[in-house]
Amino acid sequence: MSNTLWEIKNKFLEERTEESLQKVLECLQSAEVVVPQVKSNIDEKNLVPDLFKNQKDDLFFPIFSREEELPKDYRKLVEIAKYPATKCIEMAKADCSVKCLVLDPFTDAMVIPYTIAGLIIEDFEHLIEEEEDLF
């Protein structure tokens, strides 16, 4: 049985090693994540990701490893969508006001800066090849 994104993320948060980070990135390359959506302020027929704001008014694009990571009361306020993580990265980067992504922001949150998010979209093969050359 393969590990889920939730399990891999939590292992990274415990260990905080390059190896465990690489496993998160590899998982996100093919993972489908949960994205809360709300009606657009511009066109109420369209749903848009429900961006989060911190005390500094920085915007974050929330993604969730599984629906259970969203509090039940919050789930009642949003529509749930599922997207490939790579699509979420592209959507977040397209909005210049969004600082980064955050995985599971209500529980054990993992901030994913664009520098790391870029590695998810890139072809991971060259990293594996470089590692193999070392041995």
C-alpha atoms as a PDB file:
ATOM      1  CA  MET A   1       0.000   0.000   0.000  1.00  0.00           C
ATOM      2  CA  SER A   2       1.476   3.334  -0.992  1.00  0.00           C
ATOM      3  CA  ASN A   3       1.666   6.182   1.473  1.00  0.00           C
ATOM      4  CA  THR A   4      -0.824   8.977   1.102  1.00  0.00           C
ATOM      5  CA  LEU A   5       0.106  12.625   0.689  1.00  0.00           C
ATOM      6  CA  TRP A   6      -1.150  13.218   4.229  1.00  0.00           C
ATOM      7  CA  GLU A   7       1.173  10.547   5.661  1.00  0.00           C
ATOM      8  CA  ILE A   8       4.161  11.700   3.628  1.00  0.00           C
ATOM      9  CA  LYS A   9       3.606  15.351   4.608  1.00  0.00           C
ATOM     10  CA  ASN A  10       3.367  14.455   8.296  1.00  0.00           C
ATOM     11  CA  LYS A  11       6.561  12.414   8.074  1.00  0.00           C
ATOM     12  CA  PHE A  12       8.309  15.432   6.559  1.00  0.00           C
ATOM     13  CA  LEU A  13       7.010  17.685   9.345  1.00  0.00           C
ATOM     14  CA  GLU A  14       8.435  15.240  11.917  1.00  0.00           C
ATOM     15  CA  GLU A  15      11.814  14.661  10.263  1.00  0.00           C
ATOM     16  CA  ARG A  16      12.428  17.854   8.251  1.00  0.00           C
ATOM     17  CA  THR A  17      15.021  16.138   6.073  1.00  0.00           C
ATOM     18  CA  GLU A  18      15.846  16.635   2.401  1.00  0.00           C
ATOM     19  CA  GLU A  19      14.832  13.036   1.739  1.00  0.00           C
ATOM     20  CA  SER A  20      11.403  13.451   3.318  1.00  0.00           C
ATOM     21  CA  LEU A  21      10.914  16.760   1.467  1.00  0.00           C
ATOM     22  CA  GLN A  22      11.772  15.030  -1.808  1.00  0.00           C
ATOM     23  CA  LYS A  23       9.114  12.413  -1.073  1.00  0.00           C
ATOM     24  CA  VAL A  24       6.516  15.156  -0.551  1.00  0.00           C
ATOM     25  CA  LEU A  25       7.525  16.773  -3.844  1.00  0.00           C
ATOM     26  CA  GLU A  26       7.375  13.463  -5.694  1.00  0.00           C
ATOM     27  CA  CYS A  27       3.948  12.736  -4.246  1.00  0.00           C
ATOM     28  CA  LEU A  28       2.656  16.195  -5.179  1.00  0.00           C
ATOM     29  CA  GLN A  29       3.716  15.670  -8.787  1.00  0.00           C
ATOM     30  CA  SER A  30       0.923  13.159  -9.258  1.00  0.00           C
ATOM     31  CA  ALA A  31      -1.370  13.951  -6.322  1.00  0.00           C
ATOM     32  CA  GLU A  32      -4.892  15.196  -6.569  1.00  0.00           C
ATOM     33  CA  VAL A  33      -5.568  17.697  -3.784  1.00  0.00           C
ATOM     34  CA  VAL A  34      -8.707  19.158  -2.277  1.00  0.00           C
ATOM     35  CA  VAL A  35      -9.329  22.860  -2.934  1.00  0.00           C
ATOM     36  CA  PRO A  36     -12.048  24.856  -1.159  1.00  0.00           C
ATOM     37  CA  GLN A  37     -13.886  27.172  -3.549  1.00  0.00           C
ATOM     38  CA  VAL A  38     -16.233  30.121  -3.135  1.00  0.00           C
ATOM     39  CA  LYS A  39     -18.304  32.224  -5.535  1.00  0.00           C
ATOM     40  CA  SER A  40     -16.304  34.826  -7.396  1.00  0.00           C
ATOM     41  CA  ASN A  41     -16.831  38.470  -6.407  1.00  0.00           C
ATOM     42  CA  ILE A  42     -16.824  39.363 -10.101  1.00  0.00           C
ATOM     43  CA  ASP A  43     -19.162  36.663 -11.416  1.00  0.00           C
ATOM     44  CA  GLU A  44     -21.116  34.667  -8.854  1.00  0.00           C
ATOM     45  CA  LYS A  45     -21.607  31.861 -11.374  1.00  0.00           C
ATOM     46  CA  ASN A  46     -17.896  31.101 -11.239  1.00  0.00           C
ATOM     47  CA  LEU A  47     -16.186  29.386  -8.348  1.00  0.00           C
ATOM     48  CA  VAL A  48     -12.677  30.420  -7.333  1.00  0.00           C
ATOM     49  CA  PRO A  49     -10.256  29.054  -4.736  1.00  0.00           C
ATOM     50  CA  ASP A  50     -10.909  30.420  -1.252  1.00  0.00           C
ATOM     51  CA  LEU A  51      -7.625  32.203  -0.601  1.00  0.00           C
ATOM     52  CA  PHE A  52      -6.456  32.597   2.985  1.00  0.00           C
ATOM     53  CA  LYS A  53      -5.057  35.802   4.456  1.00  0.00           C
ATOM     54  CA  ASN A  54      -2.673  36.196   7.400  1.00  0.00           C
ATOM     55  CA  GLN A  55      -2.315  39.143   9.804  1.00  0.00           C
ATOM     56  CA  LYS A  56       0.017  40.885   7.327  1.00  0.00           C
ATOM     57  CA  ASP A  57      -2.665  40.610   4.605  1.00  0.00           C
ATOM     58  CA  ASP A  58      -0.527  38.119   2.655  1.00  0.00           C
ATOM     59  CA  LEU A  59      -2.630  35.735   0.553  1.00  0.00           C
ATOM     60  CA  PHE A  60      -2.082  31.978   0.529  1.00  0.00           C
ATOM     61  CA  PHE A  61      -3.514  29.317  -1.771  1.00  0.00           C
ATOM     62  CA  PRO A  62      -4.821  26.484   0.442  1.00  0.00           C
ATOM     63  CA  ILE A  63      -4.667  22.874  -0.677  1.00  0.00           C
ATOM     64  CA  PHE A  64      -5.635  19.858   1.380  1.00  0.00           C
ATOM     65  CA  SER A  65      -4.285  16.326   1.337  1.00  0.00           C
ATOM     66  CA  ARG A  66      -7.763  14.971   2.105  1.00  0.00           C
ATOM     67  CA  GLU A  67     -11.244  16.319   2.860  1.00  0.00           C
ATOM     68  CA  GLU A  68     -10.986  15.372   6.532  1.00  0.00           C
ATOM     69  CA  GLU A  69      -8.397  18.144   6.977  1.00  0.00           C
ATOM     70  CA  LEU A  70     -11.097  20.790   6.464  1.00  0.00           C
ATOM     71  CA  PRO A  71     -13.108  21.588   9.600  1.00  0.00           C
ATOM     72  CA  LYS A  72     -16.754  20.552   9.260  1.00  0.00           C
ATOM     73  CA  ASP A  73     -18.065  24.084   9.825  1.00  0.00           C
ATOM     74  CA  TYR A  74     -15.746  25.422   7.113  1.00  0.00           C
ATOM     75  CA  ARG A  75     -16.804  22.652   4.697  1.00  0.00           C
ATOM     76  CA  LYS A  76     -20.369  23.984   4.938  1.00  0.00           C
ATOM     77  CA  LEU A  77     -19.223  27.388   3.640  1.00  0.00           C
ATOM     78  CA  VAL A  78     -17.301  26.233   0.580  1.00  0.00           C
ATOM     79  CA  GLU A  79     -17.607  24.005  -2.452  1.00  0.00           C
ATOM     80  CA  ILE A  80     -15.068  21.188  -2.578  1.00  0.00           C
ATOM     81  CA  ALA A  81     -13.092  20.640  -5.756  1.00  0.00           C
ATOM     82  CA  LYS A  82     -10.242  18.284  -6.569  1.00  0.00           C
ATOM     83  CA  TYR A  83      -7.365  19.275  -8.814  1.00  0.00           C
ATOM     84  CA  PRO A  84      -3.921  17.962  -9.606  1.00  0.00           C
ATOM     85  CA  ALA A  85      -1.435  19.688  -7.297  1.00  0.00           C
ATOM     86  CA  THR A  86       0.465  20.910 -10.344  1.00  0.00           C
ATOM     87  CA  LYS A  87      -2.678  22.725 -11.569  1.00  0.00           C
ATOM     88  CA  CYS A  88      -3.013  24.406  -8.156  1.00  0.00           C
ATOM     89  CA  ILE A  89       0.568  25.618  -8.348  1.00  0.00           C
ATOM     90  CA  GLU A  90      -0.123  27.125 -11.766  1.00  0.00           C
ATOM     91  CA  MET A  91      -3.328  28.786 -10.511  1.00  0.00           C
ATOM     92  CA  ALA A  92      -1.559  30.224  -7.454  1.00  0.00           C
ATOM     93  CA  LYS A  93       1.368  31.549  -9.463  1.00  0.00           C
ATOM     94  CA  ALA A  94      -1.016  33.165 -11.960  1.00  0.00           C
ATOM     95  CA  ASP A  95      -2.328  35.429  -9.174  1.00  0.00           C
ATOM     96  CA  CYS A  96       0.573  37.742  -8.339  1.00  0.00           C
ATOM     97  CA  SER A  97      -0.987  38.628  -4.961  1.00  0.00           C
ATOM     98  CA  VAL A  98      -0.658  35.020  -3.714  1.00  0.00           C
ATOM     99  CA  LYS A  99       2.562  34.490  -1.733  1.00  0.00           C
ATOM    100  CA  CYS A 100       2.645  30.677  -1.713  1.00  0.00           C
ATOM    101  CA  LEU A 101       0.640  27.512  -1.226  1.00  0.00           C
ATOM    102  CA  VAL A 102      -0.138  25.953   2.124  1.00  0.00           C
ATOM    103  CA  LEU A 103      -0.936  22.273   2.500  1.00  0.00           C
ATOM    104  CA  ASP A 104      -3.458  21.386   5.232  1.00  0.00           C
ATOM    105  CA  PRO A 105      -3.564  24.894   6.788  1.00  0.00           C
ATOM    106  CA  PHE A 106      -6.078  24.000   9.518  1.00  0.00           C
ATOM    107  CA  THR A 107      -4.117  21.079  10.935  1.00  0.00           C
ATOM    108  CA  ASP A 108      -0.408  20.309  10.509  1.00  0.00           C
ATOM    109  CA  ALA A 109       0.306  22.971   7.928  1.00  0.00           C
ATOM    110  CA  MET A 110       3.140  22.807   5.424  1.00  0.00           C
ATOM    111  CA  VAL A 111       4.002  26.024   3.619  1.00  0.00           C
ATOM    112  CA  ILE A 112       5.090  25.440   0.022  1.00  0.00           C
ATOM    113  CA  PRO A 113       7.014  28.461  -1.294  1.00  0.00           C
ATOM    114  CA  TYR A 114       7.152  28.952  -5.058  1.00  0.00           C
ATOM    115  CA  THR A 115      10.828  27.989  -5.105  1.00  0.00           C
ATOM    116  CA  ILE A 116       9.853  24.520  -3.893  1.00  0.00           C
ATOM    117  CA  ALA A 117       6.614  24.447  -5.890  1.00  0.00           C
ATOM    118  CA  GLY A 118       8.657  24.962  -9.044  1.00  0.00           C
ATOM    119  CA  LEU A 119      10.423  21.672  -8.384  1.00  0.00           C
ATOM    120  CA  ILE A 120       7.091  19.880  -8.351  1.00  0.00           C
ATOM    121  CA  ILE A 121       6.241  21.068 -11.840  1.00  0.00           C
ATOM    122  CA  GLU A 122       9.697  20.458 -13.283  1.00  0.00           C
ATOM    123  CA  ASP A 123      10.644  17.037 -14.503  1.00  0.00           C
ATOM    124  CA  PHE A 124      12.042  15.273 -11.452  1.00  0.00           C
ATOM    125  CA  GLU A 125      14.110  12.919 -13.614  1.00  0.00           C
ATOM    126  CA  HIS A 126      17.215  15.119 -13.666  1.00  0.00           C
ATOM    127  CA  LEU A 127      17.310  15.181  -9.861  1.00  0.00           C
ATOM    128  CA  ILE A 128      17.161  11.394  -9.726  1.00  0.00           C
ATOM    129  CA  GLU A 129      19.870  11.103 -12.377  1.00  0.00           C
ATOM    130  CA  GLU A 130      22.161  13.465 -10.430  1.00  0.00           C
ATOM    131  CA  GLU A 131      21.623  11.401  -7.286  1.00  0.00           C
ATOM    132  CA  GLU A 132      22.428   8.152  -9.117  1.00  0.00           C
ATOM    133  CA  ASP A 133      25.657   9.683 -10.481  1.00  0.00           C
ATOM    134  CA  LEU A 134      26.856  10.172  -6.908  1.00  0.00           C
ATOM    135  CA  PHE A 135      26.852   6.432  -6.174  1.00  0.00           C
END
